[in-house]
């Protein structure tokens, strides 16, 4: 029974780590997209200065 509890804890920890990794990956995609859009939209404005 003790081993079963430890296995559940390990699985829970592993699941949290995977979810955290997925979340960070998605956040990275969003930041990359935002940076690209800013680059596109700011370039014409910078020419005006």
Protein backbone atom coordinates (compact mmCIF):
# COMPACT_ATOMS: atom_id res chain seq x y z
CA UNK A 1 0.00 0.00 0.00
CA UNK A 2 2.86 2.37 0.77
CA UNK A 3 4.36 1.82 -2.70
CA UNK A 4 0.99 2.54 -4.32
CA UNK A 5 0.81 5.91 -2.52
CA UNK A 6 4.33 6.83 -3.63
CA UNK A 7 3.51 5.87 -7.22
CA UNK A 8 0.44 8.12 -7.15
CA UNK A 9 2.54 11.01 -5.82
CA UNK A 10 5.12 10.50 -8.55
CA UNK A 11 2.42 10.32 -11.23
CA UNK A 12 0.78 13.47 -9.88
CA UNK A 13 4.13 15.30 -9.85
CA UNK A 14 4.91 14.09 -13.37
CA UNK A 15 1.50 15.21 -14.63
CA UNK A 16 1.98 18.68 -13.09
CA UNK A 17 5.41 19.01 -14.70
CA UNK A 18 4.01 18.05 -18.12
CA UNK A 19 1.16 20.55 -17.77
CA UNK A 20 3.62 23.25 -16.72
CA UNK A 21 5.79 22.46 -19.73
CA UNK A 22 2.81 22.69 -22.09
CA UNK A 23 1.74 26.00 -20.54
CA UNK A 24 5.21 27.48 -20.92
CA UNK A 25 5.37 26.29 -24.52
CA UNK A 26 2.02 27.95 -25.31
CA UNK A 27 3.11 31.17 -23.58
CA UNK A 28 6.27 31.12 -25.68
CA UNK A 29 4.24 30.83 -28.87
CA UNK A 30 2.05 33.76 -27.83
CA UNK A 31 5.06 35.96 -26.99
CA UNK A 32 6.73 35.08 -30.28
CA UNK A 33 3.58 36.02 -32.19
CA UNK A 34 3.19 39.29 -30.27
CA UNK A 35 6.81 40.26 -30.83
CA UNK A 36 6.46 39.59 -34.55
CA UNK A 37 3.29 41.69 -34.76
CA UNK A 38 4.93 44.52 -32.84
CA UNK A 39 7.86 44.43 -35.22
CA UNK A 40 5.53 44.66 -38.22
CA UNK A 41 3.38 47.48 -36.80
CA UNK A 42 6.15 49.55 -35.24
CA UNK A 43 8.43 49.65 -38.27
CA UNK A 44 6.30 52.19 -40.22
CA UNK A 45 5.91 54.30 -37.07
CA UNK A 46 9.66 54.36 -36.51
CA UNK A 47 10.19 55.62 -40.06
CA UNK A 48 8.06 58.66 -39.26
CA UNK A 49 10.35 59.74 -36.43
